[in-house]
Amino acid sequence: MKRLALRGALTAKFGDEAIKVIDAFGIDAIKTRELVNVLGALEARGRVLVIAPGRDEKLELSARNLPTVEILLADSLNVVDLLKADLVLIEQPALARMEEVYS
């Protein structure tokens, strides 16, 4: 049932064009400003959900001061966070992990 709900939420976001797949964030240092610049270049506005393939300390620490950005691991997705997000950014390696866990 959980997989079906996740699939439905992802399909709805995809239909609204609220999902973007990126190669990687490529953050070199733990700096919130650097993450803000990357999100600005991606035209990420509103509540942003970032789906990462695994723990990324630089990304997590850079995002902790941004109240509208949330980082989730690909294997711990939930419907509530998906539905609350205005934009879902998925790192390319996270797609394989999502497929492995939820298919």
PDB file of N, CA and C in Angstrom:
ATOM      1  N   MET A   1       0.824  -1.183   0.000  1.00  0.00           N
ATOM      2  CA  MET A   1       0.000   0.000   0.000  1.00  0.00           C
ATOM      3  C   MET A   1       0.876   1.258   0.000  1.00  0.00           C
ATOM      4  N   LYS A   2       1.968   1.213   0.782  1.00  0.00           N
ATOM      5  CA  LYS A   2       2.867   2.360   0.852  1.00  0.00           C
ATOM      6  C   LYS A   2       3.506   2.633  -0.506  1.00  0.00           C
ATOM      7  N   ARG A   3       3.917   1.586  -1.199  1.00  0.00           N
ATOM      8  CA  ARG A   3       4.536   1.742  -2.514  1.00  0.00           C
ATOM      9  C   ARG A   3       3.560   2.355  -3.512  1.00  0.00           C
ATOM     10  N   LEU A   4       2.324   1.928  -3.443  1.00  0.00           N
ATOM     11  CA  LEU A   4       1.306   2.466  -4.343  1.00  0.00           C
ATOM     12  C   LEU A   4       1.068   3.950  -4.070  1.00  0.00           C
ATOM     13  N   ALA A   5       1.039   4.336  -2.810  1.00  0.00           N
ATOM     14  CA  ALA A   5       0.858   5.745  -2.448  1.00  0.00           C
ATOM     15  C   ALA A   5       2.053   6.580  -2.903  1.00  0.00           C
ATOM     16  N   LEU A   6       3.270   6.057  -2.726  1.00  0.00           N
ATOM     17  CA  LEU A   6       4.461   6.762  -3.185  1.00  0.00           C
ATOM     18  C   LEU A   6       4.450   6.902  -4.702  1.00  0.00           C
ATOM     19  N   ARG A   7       4.079   5.843  -5.380  1.00  0.00           N
ATOM     20  CA  ARG A   7       4.013   5.870  -6.836  1.00  0.00           C
ATOM     21  C   ARG A   7       3.004   6.907  -7.309  1.00  0.00           C
ATOM     22  N   GLY A   8       1.858   6.974  -6.635  1.00  0.00           N
ATOM     23  CA  GLY A   8       0.826   7.948  -6.979  1.00  0.00           C
ATOM     24  C   GLY A   8       1.296   9.383  -6.746  1.00  0.00           C
ATOM     25  N   ALA A   9       1.979   9.618  -5.620  1.00  0.00           N
ATOM     26  CA  ALA A   9       2.483  10.956  -5.314  1.00  0.00           C
ATOM     27  C   ALA A   9       3.558  11.373  -6.308  1.00  0.00           C
ATOM     28  N   LEU A  10       4.448  10.462  -6.664  1.00  0.00           N
ATOM     29  CA  LEU A  10       5.487  10.776  -7.646  1.00  0.00           C
ATOM     30  C   LEU A  10       4.882  11.037  -9.019  1.00  0.00           C
ATOM     31  N   THR A  11       3.876  10.275  -9.389  1.00  0.00           N
ATOM     32  CA  THR A  11       3.199  10.476 -10.667  1.00  0.00           C
ATOM     33  C   THR A  11       2.515  11.833 -10.711  1.00  0.00           C
ATOM     34  N   ALA A  12       1.888  12.227  -9.614  1.00  0.00           N
ATOM     35  CA  ALA A  12       1.229  13.532  -9.549  1.00  0.00           C
ATOM     36  C   ALA A  12       2.251  14.663  -9.684  1.00  0.00           C
ATOM     37  N   LYS A  13       3.381  14.543  -9.007  1.00  0.00           N
ATOM     38  CA  LYS A  13       4.428  15.561  -9.098  1.00  0.00           C
ATOM     39  C   LYS A  13       5.013  15.615 -10.511  1.00  0.00           C
ATOM     40  N   PHE A  14       5.170  14.449 -11.118  1.00  0.00           N
ATOM     41  CA  PHE A  14       5.696  14.395 -12.479  1.00  0.00           C
ATOM     42  C   PHE A  14       4.717  15.052 -13.452  1.00  0.00           C
ATOM     43  N   GLY A  15       3.440  14.822 -13.260  1.00  0.00           N
ATOM     44  CA  GLY A  15       2.417  15.436 -14.098  1.00  0.00           C
ATOM     45  C   GLY A  15       2.368  16.945 -13.947  1.00  0.00           C
ATOM     46  N   ASP A  16       2.681  17.439 -12.764  1.00  0.00           N
ATOM     47  CA  ASP A  16       2.707  18.888 -12.506  1.00  0.00           C
ATOM     48  C   ASP A  16       4.046  19.511 -12.897  1.00  0.00           C
ATOM     49  N   GLU A  17       4.952  18.702 -13.448  1.00  0.00           N
ATOM     50  CA  GLU A  17       6.303  19.126 -13.800  1.00  0.00           C
ATOM     51  C   GLU A  17       7.047  19.689 -12.596  1.00  0.00           C
ATOM     52  N   ALA A  18       6.848  19.049 -11.456  1.00  0.00           N
ATOM     53  CA  ALA A  18       7.473  19.483 -10.206  1.00  0.00           C
ATOM     54  C   ALA A  18       8.615  18.563  -9.799  1.00  0.00           C
ATOM     55  N   ILE A  19       9.127  17.781 -10.758  1.00  0.00           N
ATOM     56  CA  ILE A  19      10.264  16.903 -10.486  1.00  0.00           C
ATOM     57  C   ILE A  19      11.375  17.248 -11.458  1.00  0.00           C
ATOM     58  N   LYS A  20      12.574  17.425 -10.923  1.00  0.00           N
ATOM     59  CA  LYS A  20      13.759  17.646 -11.747  1.00  0.00           C
ATOM     60  C   LYS A  20      14.818  16.642 -11.319  1.00  0.00           C
ATOM     61  N   VAL A  21      15.484  16.040 -12.302  1.00  0.00           N
ATOM     62  CA  VAL A  21      16.572  15.107 -12.026  1.00  0.00           C
ATOM     63  C   VAL A  21      17.874  15.812 -12.385  1.00  0.00           C
ATOM     64  N   ILE A  22      18.803  15.809 -11.435  1.00  0.00           N
ATOM     65  CA  ILE A  22      20.096  16.448 -11.655  1.00  0.00           C
ATOM     66  C   ILE A  22      21.199  15.409 -11.483  1.00  0.00           C
ATOM     67  N   ASP A  23      22.362  15.689 -12.074  1.00  0.00           N
ATOM     68  CA  ASP A  23      23.492  14.766 -11.937  1.00  0.00           C
ATOM     69  C   ASP A  23      23.950  14.688 -10.488  1.00  0.00           C
ATOM     70  N   ALA A  24      24.300  15.818  -9.929  1.00  0.00           N
ATOM     71  CA  ALA A  24      24.728  15.916  -8.530  1.00  0.00           C
ATOM     72  C   ALA A  24      24.781  17.391  -8.160  1.00  0.00           C
ATOM     73  N   PHE A  25      24.748  17.682  -6.891  1.00  0.00           N
ATOM     74  CA  PHE A  25      24.808  19.070  -6.459  1.00  0.00           C
ATOM     75  C   PHE A  25      26.210  19.636  -6.592  1.00  0.00           C
ATOM     76  N   GLY A  26      27.211  18.826  -6.399  1.00  0.00           N
ATOM     77  CA  GLY A  26      28.588  19.278  -6.569  1.00  0.00           C
ATOM     78  C   GLY A  26      28.996  20.375  -5.610  1.00  0.00           C
ATOM     79  N   ILE A  27      28.548  20.288  -4.378  1.00  0.00           N
ATOM     80  CA  ILE A  27      28.911  21.279  -3.374  1.00  0.00           C
ATOM     81  C   ILE A  27      30.298  20.924  -2.835  1.00  0.00           C
ATOM     82  N   ASP A  28      31.210  21.897  -2.939  1.00  0.00           N
ATOM     83  CA  ASP A  28      32.597  21.648  -2.532  1.00  0.00           C
ATOM     84  C   ASP A  28      32.841  21.880  -1.050  1.00  0.00           C
ATOM     85  N   ALA A  29      32.071  22.803  -0.463  1.00  0.00           N
ATOM     86  CA  ALA A  29      32.282  23.148   0.941  1.00  0.00           C
ATOM     87  C   ALA A  29      30.929  23.245   1.635  1.00  0.00           C
ATOM     88  N   ILE A  30      30.948  23.219   2.943  1.00  0.00           N
ATOM     89  CA  ILE A  30      29.722  23.348   3.723  1.00  0.00           C
ATOM     90  C   ILE A  30      29.381  24.833   3.793  1.00  0.00           C
ATOM     91  N   LYS A  31      28.641  25.296   2.805  1.00  0.00           N
ATOM     92  CA  LYS A  31      28.253  26.708   2.736  1.00  0.00           C
ATOM     93  C   LYS A  31      26.809  26.797   2.247  1.00  0.00           C
ATOM     94  N   THR A  32      25.973  27.419   3.051  1.00  0.00           N
ATOM     95  CA  THR A  32      24.577  27.597   2.682  1.00  0.00           C
ATOM     96  C   THR A  32      24.465  28.444   1.423  1.00  0.00           C
ATOM     97  N   ARG A  33      25.303  29.442   1.299  1.00  0.00           N
ATOM     98  CA  ARG A  33      25.265  30.324   0.132  1.00  0.00           C
ATOM     99  C   ARG A  33      25.508  29.544  -1.160  1.00  0.00           C
ATOM    100  N   GLU A  34      26.409  28.581  -1.126  1.00  0.00           N
ATOM    101  CA  GLU A  34      26.704  27.769  -2.298  1.00  0.00           C
ATOM    102  C   GLU A  34      25.475  26.953  -2.714  1.00  0.00           C
ATOM    103  N   LEU A  35      24.777  26.390  -1.733  1.00  0.00           N
ATOM    104  CA  LEU A  35      23.559  25.637  -2.034  1.00  0.00           C
ATOM    105  C   LEU A  35      22.470  26.563  -2.556  1.00  0.00           C
ATOM    106  N   VAL A  36      22.347  27.743  -2.003  1.00  0.00           N
ATOM    107  CA  VAL A  36      21.363  28.714  -2.482  1.00  0.00           C
ATOM    108  C   VAL A  36      21.642  29.080  -3.938  1.00  0.00           C
ATOM    109  N   ASN A  37      22.910  29.229  -4.290  1.00  0.00           N
ATOM    110  CA  ASN A  37      23.275  29.526  -5.676  1.00  0.00           C
ATOM    111  C   ASN A  37      22.897  28.390  -6.617  1.00  0.00           C
ATOM    112  N   VAL A  38      23.124  27.164  -6.195  1.00  0.00           N
ATOM    113  CA  VAL A  38      22.764  26.006  -7.012  1.00  0.00           C
ATOM    114  C   VAL A  38      21.242  25.945  -7.185  1.00  0.00           C
ATOM    115  N   LEU A  39      20.513  26.139  -6.102  1.00  0.00           N
ATOM    116  CA  LEU A  39      19.050  26.109  -6.188  1.00  0.00           C
ATOM    117  C   LEU A  39      18.528  27.245  -7.056  1.00  0.00           C
ATOM    118  N   GLY A  40      19.167  28.398  -6.991  1.00  0.00           N
ATOM    119  CA  GLY A  40      18.775  29.517  -7.838  1.00  0.00           C
ATOM    120  C   GLY A  40      18.997  29.207  -9.308  1.00  0.00           C
ATOM    121  N   ALA A  41      20.106  28.567  -9.620  1.00  0.00           N
ATOM    122  CA  ALA A  41      20.398  28.191 -11.005  1.00  0.00           C
ATOM    123  C   ALA A  41      19.388  27.166 -11.527  1.00  0.00           C
ATOM    124  N   LEU A  42      18.867  26.335 -10.621  1.00  0.00           N
ATOM    125  CA  LEU A  42      17.860  25.331 -11.001  1.00  0.00           C
ATOM    126  C   LEU A  42      16.444  25.892 -10.965  1.00  0.00           C
ATOM    127  N   GLU A  43      16.329  27.171 -10.628  1.00  0.00           N
ATOM    128  CA  GLU A  43      15.029  27.846 -10.509  1.00  0.00           C
ATOM    129  C   GLU A  43      14.119  27.122  -9.522  1.00  0.00           C
ATOM    130  N   ALA A  44      14.701  26.715  -8.404  1.00  0.00           N
ATOM    131  CA  ALA A  44      13.967  26.016  -7.354  1.00  0.00           C
ATOM    132  C   ALA A  44      13.361  27.050  -6.410  1.00  0.00           C
ATOM    133  N   ARG A  45      12.052  27.126  -6.411  1.00  0.00           N
ATOM    134  CA  ARG A  45      11.347  28.084  -5.553  1.00  0.00           C
ATOM    135  C   ARG A  45      10.331  27.346  -4.697  1.00  0.00           C
ATOM    136  N   GLY A  46       9.984  27.956  -3.584  1.00  0.00           N
ATOM    137  CA  GLY A  46       9.010  27.333  -2.695  1.00  0.00           C
ATOM    138  C   GLY A  46       9.663  26.251  -1.864  1.00  0.00           C
ATOM    139  N   ARG A  47       8.857  25.311  -1.457  1.00  0.00           N
ATOM    140  CA  ARG A  47       9.337  24.197  -0.631  1.00  0.00           C
ATOM    141  C   ARG A  47      10.017  23.169  -1.529  1.00  0.00           C
ATOM    142  N   VAL A  48      11.297  22.906  -1.267  1.00  0.00           N
ATOM    143  CA  VAL A  48      12.104  22.025  -2.113  1.00  0.00           C
ATOM    144  C   VAL A  48      12.467  20.764  -1.342  1.00  0.00           C
ATOM    145  N   LEU A  49      12.203  19.626  -1.955  1.00  0.00           N
ATOM    146  CA  LEU A  49      12.587  18.333  -1.392  1.00  0.00           C
ATOM    147  C   LEU A  49      13.714  17.774  -2.246  1.00  0.00           C
ATOM    148  N   VAL A  50      14.855  17.533  -1.619  1.00  0.00           N
ATOM    149  CA  VAL A  50      16.016  16.975  -2.310  1.00  0.00           C
ATOM    150  C   VAL A  50      16.120  15.505  -1.931  1.00  0.00           C
ATOM    151  N   ILE A  51      16.159  14.658  -2.936  1.00  0.00           N
ATOM    152  CA  ILE A  51      16.294  13.219  -2.692  1.00  0.00           C
ATOM    153  C   ILE A  51      17.718  12.829  -3.064  1.00  0.00           C
ATOM    154  N   ALA A  52      18.477  12.441  -2.046  1.00  0.00           N
ATOM    155  CA  ALA A  52      19.886  12.094  -2.209  1.00  0.00           C
ATOM    156  C   ALA A  52      20.052  10.572  -2.185  1.00  0.00           C
ATOM    157  N   PRO A  53      21.057  10.049  -2.881  1.00  0.00           N
ATOM    158  CA  PRO A  53      21.263   8.602  -2.901  1.00  0.00           C
ATOM    159  C   PRO A  53      21.786   8.050  -1.583  1.00  0.00           C
ATOM    160  N   GLY A  54      22.488   8.853  -0.836  1.00  0.00           N
ATOM    161  CA  GLY A  54      23.055   8.432   0.444  1.00  0.00           C
ATOM    162  C   GLY A  54      23.386   9.657   1.279  1.00  0.00           C
ATOM    163  N   ARG A  55      23.940   9.424   2.441  1.00  0.00           N
ATOM    164  CA  ARG A  55      24.287  10.531   3.335  1.00  0.00           C
ATOM    165  C   ARG A  55      25.356  11.403   2.674  1.00  0.00           C
ATOM    166  N   ASP A  56      25.090  12.699   2.638  1.00  0.00           N
ATOM    167  CA  ASP A  56      26.036  13.674   2.114  1.00  0.00           C
ATOM    168  C   ASP A  56      26.125  14.801   3.130  1.00  0.00           C
ATOM    169  N   GLU A  57      27.162  14.746   3.947  1.00  0.00           N
ATOM    170  CA  GLU A  57      27.293  15.697   5.048  1.00  0.00           C
ATOM    171  C   GLU A  57      27.340  17.139   4.553  1.00  0.00           C
ATOM    172  N   LYS A  58      28.050  17.385   3.455  1.00  0.00           N
ATOM    173  CA  LYS A  58      28.142  18.752   2.929  1.00  0.00           C
ATOM    174  C   LYS A  58      26.770  19.277   2.535  1.00  0.00           C
ATOM    175  N   LEU A  59      25.998  18.453   1.859  1.00  0.00           N
ATOM    176  CA  LEU A  59      24.656  18.854   1.426  1.00  0.00           C
ATOM    177  C   LEU A  59      23.732  19.067   2.619  1.00  0.00           C
ATOM    178  N   GLU A  60      23.756  18.140   3.561  1.00  0.00           N
ATOM    179  CA  GLU A  60      22.882  18.236   4.728  1.00  0.00           C
ATOM    180  C   GLU A  60      23.198  19.458   5.589  1.00  0.00           C
ATOM    181  N   LEU A  61      24.473  19.703   5.826  1.00  0.00           N
ATOM    182  CA  LEU A  61      24.853  20.847   6.656  1.00  0.00           C
ATOM    183  C   LEU A  61      24.632  22.177   5.932  1.00  0.00           C
ATOM    184  N   SER A  62      24.756  22.174   4.625  1.00  0.00           N
ATOM    185  CA  SER A  62      24.496  23.392   3.857  1.00  0.00           C
ATOM    186  C   SER A  62      23.014  23.726   3.834  1.00  0.00           C
ATOM    187  N   ALA A  63      22.165  22.727   3.925  1.00  0.00           N
ATOM    188  CA  ALA A  63      20.713  22.937   3.835  1.00  0.00           C
ATOM    189  C   ALA A  63      20.048  23.163   5.181  1.00  0.00           C
ATOM    190  N   ARG A  64      20.736  22.927   6.261  1.00  0.00           N
ATOM    191  CA  ARG A  64      20.076  22.977   7.571  1.00  0.00           C
ATOM    192  C   ARG A  64      19.569  24.364   7.950  1.00  0.00           C
ATOM    193  N   ASN A  65      20.130  25.424   7.391  1.00  0.00           N
ATOM    194  CA  ASN A  65      19.669  26.777   7.693  1.00  0.00           C
ATOM    195  C   ASN A  65      18.605  27.278   6.721  1.00  0.00           C
ATOM    196  N   LEU A  66      18.211  26.451   5.791  1.00  0.00           N
ATOM    197  CA  LEU A  66      17.193  26.832   4.816  1.00  0.00           C
ATOM    198  C   LEU A  66      15.874  26.159   5.203  1.00  0.00           C
ATOM    199  N   PRO A  67      14.928  26.926   5.724  1.00  0.00           N
ATOM    200  CA  PRO A  67      13.691  26.315   6.220  1.00  0.00           C
ATOM    201  C   PRO A  67      12.806  25.704   5.135  1.00  0.00           C
ATOM    202  N   THR A  68      13.009  26.076   3.876  1.00  0.00           N
ATOM    203  CA  THR A  68      12.159  25.540   2.807  1.00  0.00           C
ATOM    204  C   THR A  68      12.818  24.400   2.046  1.00  0.00           C
ATOM    205  N   VAL A  69      13.983  23.950   2.503  1.00  0.00           N
ATOM    206  CA  VAL A  69      14.694  22.857   1.838  1.00  0.00           C
ATOM    207  C   VAL A  69      14.797  21.680   2.790  1.00  0.00           C
ATOM    208  N   GLU A  70      14.412  20.519   2.290  1.00  0.00           N
ATOM    209  CA  GLU A  70      14.504  19.302   3.099  1.00  0.00           C
ATOM    210  C   GLU A  70      15.265  18.244   2.308  1.00  0.00           C
ATOM    211  N   ILE A  71      16.146  17.530   2.980  1.00  0.00           N
ATOM    212  CA  ILE A  71      16.949  16.480   2.363  1.00  0.00           C
ATOM    213  C   ILE A  71      16.434  15.135   2.852  1.00  0.00           C
ATOM    214  N   LEU A  72      16.136  14.233   1.926  1.00  0.00           N
ATOM    215  CA  LEU A  72      15.725  12.871   2.269  1.00  0.00           C
ATOM    216  C   LEU A  72      16.590  11.884   1.504  1.00  0.00           C
ATOM    217  N   LEU A  73      16.822  10.748   2.111  1.00  0.00           N
ATOM    218  CA  LEU A  73      17.531   9.678   1.423  1.00  0.00           C
ATOM    219  C   LEU A  73      16.555   8.937   0.516  1.00  0.00           C
ATOM    220  N   ALA A  74      17.058   8.385  -0.567  1.00  0.00           N
ATOM    221  CA  ALA A  74      16.209   7.712  -1.551  1.00  0.00           C
ATOM    222  C   ALA A  74      15.452   6.535  -0.953  1.00  0.00           C
ATOM    223  N   ASP A  75      16.002   5.906   0.072  1.00  0.00           N
ATOM    224  CA  ASP A  75      15.333   4.741   0.653  1.00  0.00           C
ATOM    225  C   ASP A  75      14.432   5.097   1.833  1.00  0.00           C
ATOM    226  N   SER A  76      14.233   6.395   2.098  1.00  0.00           N
ATOM    227  CA  SER A  76      13.342   6.777   3.195  1.00  0.00           C
ATOM    228  C   SER A  76      12.320   7.827   2.752  1.00  0.00           C
ATOM    229  N   LEU A  77      11.835   7.659   1.543  1.00  0.00           N
ATOM    230  CA  LEU A  77      10.798   8.561   1.038  1.00  0.00           C
ATOM    231  C   LEU A  77       9.498   8.345   1.787  1.00  0.00           C
ATOM    232  N   ASN A  78       8.687   9.402   1.865  1.00  0.00           N
ATOM    233  CA  ASN A  78       7.355   9.248   2.418  1.00  0.00           C
ATOM    234  C   ASN A  78       6.402  10.174   1.671  1.00  0.00           C
ATOM    235  N   VAL A  79       5.156   9.812   1.682  1.00  0.00           N
ATOM    236  CA  VAL A  79       4.135  10.502   0.902  1.00  0.00           C
ATOM    237  C   VAL A  79       3.925  11.931   1.400  1.00  0.00           C
ATOM    238  N   VAL A  80       3.950  12.131   2.697  1.00  0.00           N
ATOM    239  CA  VAL A  80       3.689  13.454   3.265  1.00  0.00           C
ATOM    240  C   VAL A  80       4.701  14.471   2.756  1.00  0.00           C
ATOM    241  N   ASP A  81       5.988  14.144   2.825  1.00  0.00           N
ATOM    242  CA  ASP A  81       7.019  15.065   2.358  1.00  0.00           C
ATOM    243  C   ASP A  81       6.921  15.312   0.861  1.00  0.00           C
ATOM    244  N   LEU A  82       6.577  14.271   0.097  1.00  0.00           N
ATOM    245  CA  LEU A  82       6.404  14.446  -1.343  1.00  0.00           C
ATOM    246  C   LEU A  82       5.264  15.404  -1.660  1.00  0.00           C
ATOM    247  N   LEU A  83       4.161  15.252  -0.969  1.00  0.00           N
ATOM    248  CA  LEU A  83       3.002  16.087  -1.251  1.00  0.00           C
ATOM    249  C   LEU A  83       3.198  17.524  -0.778  1.00  0.00           C
ATOM    250  N   LYS A  84       3.960  17.735   0.286  1.00  0.00           N
ATOM    251  CA  LYS A  84       4.204  19.083   0.795  1.00  0.00           C
ATOM    252  C   LYS A  84       5.151  19.876  -0.091  1.00  0.00           C
ATOM    253  N   ALA A  85       5.983  19.201  -0.852  1.00  0.00           N
ATOM    254  CA  ALA A  85       7.011  19.871  -1.643  1.00  0.00           C
ATOM    255  C   ALA A  85       6.424  20.519  -2.895  1.00  0.00           C
ATOM    256  N   ASP A  86       6.932  21.721  -3.194  1.00  0.00           N
ATOM    257  CA  ASP A  86       6.582  22.391  -4.448  1.00  0.00           C
ATOM    258  C   ASP A  86       7.450  21.868  -5.591  1.00  0.00           C
ATOM    259  N   LEU A  87       8.674  21.472  -5.261  1.00  0.00           N
ATOM    260  CA  LEU A  87       9.614  20.950  -6.244  1.00  0.00           C
ATOM    261  C   LEU A  87      10.390  19.801  -5.620  1.00  0.00           C
ATOM    262  N   VAL A  88      10.567  18.733  -6.385  1.00  0.00           N
ATOM    263  CA  VAL A  88      11.341  17.579  -5.936  1.00  0.00           C
ATOM    264  C   VAL A  88      12.576  17.488  -6.824  1.00  0.00           C
ATOM    265  N   LEU A  89      13.752  17.599  -6.212  1.00  0.00           N
ATOM    266  CA  LEU A  89      15.017  17.458  -6.920  1.00  0.00           C
ATOM    267  C   LEU A  89      15.602  16.092  -6.589  1.00  0.00           C
ATOM    268  N   ILE A  90      15.822  15.301  -7.621  1.00  0.00           N
ATOM    269  CA  ILE A  90      16.344  13.945  -7.428  1.00  0.00           C
ATOM    270  C   ILE A  90      17.729  13.870  -8.052  1.00  0.00           C
ATOM    271  N   GLU A  91      18.708  13.464  -7.259  1.00  0.00           N
ATOM    272  CA  GLU A  91      20.046  13.243  -7.806  1.00  0.00           C
ATOM    273  C   GLU A  91      20.016  11.946  -8.612  1.00  0.00           C
ATOM    274  N   GLN A  92      20.716  11.921  -9.734  1.00  0.00           N
ATOM    275  CA  GLN A  92      20.702  10.793 -10.661  1.00  0.00           C
ATOM    276  C   GLN A  92      20.968   9.444  -9.977  1.00  0.00           C
ATOM    277  N   PRO A  93      21.984   9.321  -9.117  1.00  0.00           N
ATOM    278  CA  PRO A  93      22.210   8.028  -8.467  1.00  0.00           C
ATOM    279  C   PRO A  93      21.056   7.605  -7.543  1.00  0.00           C
ATOM    280  N   ALA A  94      20.269   8.563  -7.083  1.00  0.00           N
ATOM    281  CA  ALA A  94      19.147   8.241  -6.202  1.00  0.00           C
ATOM    282  C   ALA A  94      18.029   7.516  -6.960  1.00  0.00           C
ATOM    283  N   LEU A  95      17.924   7.740  -8.271  1.00  0.00           N
ATOM    284  CA  LEU A  95      16.891   7.058  -9.056  1.00  0.00           C
ATOM    285  C   LEU A  95      17.070   5.546  -9.016  1.00  0.00           C
ATOM    286  N   ALA A  96      18.309   5.095  -9.170  1.00  0.00           N
ATOM    287  CA  ALA A  96      18.582   3.658  -9.120  1.00  0.00           C
ATOM    288  C   ALA A  96      18.250   3.094  -7.741  1.00  0.00           C
ATOM    289  N   ARG A  97      18.595   3.834  -6.715  1.00  0.00           N
ATOM    290  CA  ARG A  97      18.301   3.387  -5.347  1.00  0.00           C
ATOM    291  C   ARG A  97      16.795   3.327  -5.103  1.00  0.00           C
ATOM    292  N   MET A  98      16.068   4.334  -5.587  1.00  0.00           N
ATOM    293  CA  MET A  98      14.607   4.354  -5.443  1.00  0.00           C
ATOM    294  C   MET A  98      13.979   3.163  -6.160  1.00  0.00           C
ATOM    295  N   GLU A  99      14.473   2.880  -7.354  1.00  0.00           N
ATOM    296  CA  GLU A  99      13.942   1.755  -8.123  1.00  0.00           C
ATOM    297  C   GLU A  99      14.215   0.436  -7.404  1.00  0.00           C
ATOM    298  N   GLU A 100      15.389   0.323  -6.826  1.00  0.00           N
ATOM    299  CA  GLU A 100      15.771  -0.893  -6.096  1.00  0.00           C
ATOM    300  C   GLU A 100      14.882  -1.103  -4.862  1.00  0.00           C
ATOM    301  N   VAL A 101      14.610  -0.038  -4.138  1.00  0.00           N
ATOM    302  CA  VAL A 101      13.887  -0.143  -2.876  1.00  0.00           C
ATOM    303  C   VAL A 101      12.375  -0.253  -3.089  1.00  0.00           C
ATOM    304  N   TYR A 102      11.838   0.516  -4.014  1.00  0.00           N
ATOM    305  CA  TYR A 102      10.383   0.633  -4.131  1.00  0.00           C
ATOM    306  C   TYR A 102       9.735  -0.139  -5.268  1.00  0.00           C
ATOM    307  N   SER A 103      10.498  -0.878  -6.052  1.00  0.00           N
ATOM    308  CA  SER A 103       9.854  -1.624  -7.138  1.00  0.00           C
ATOM    309  C   SER A 103       9.561  -3.050  -6.758  1.00  0.00           C
TER     310      SER A 103
END
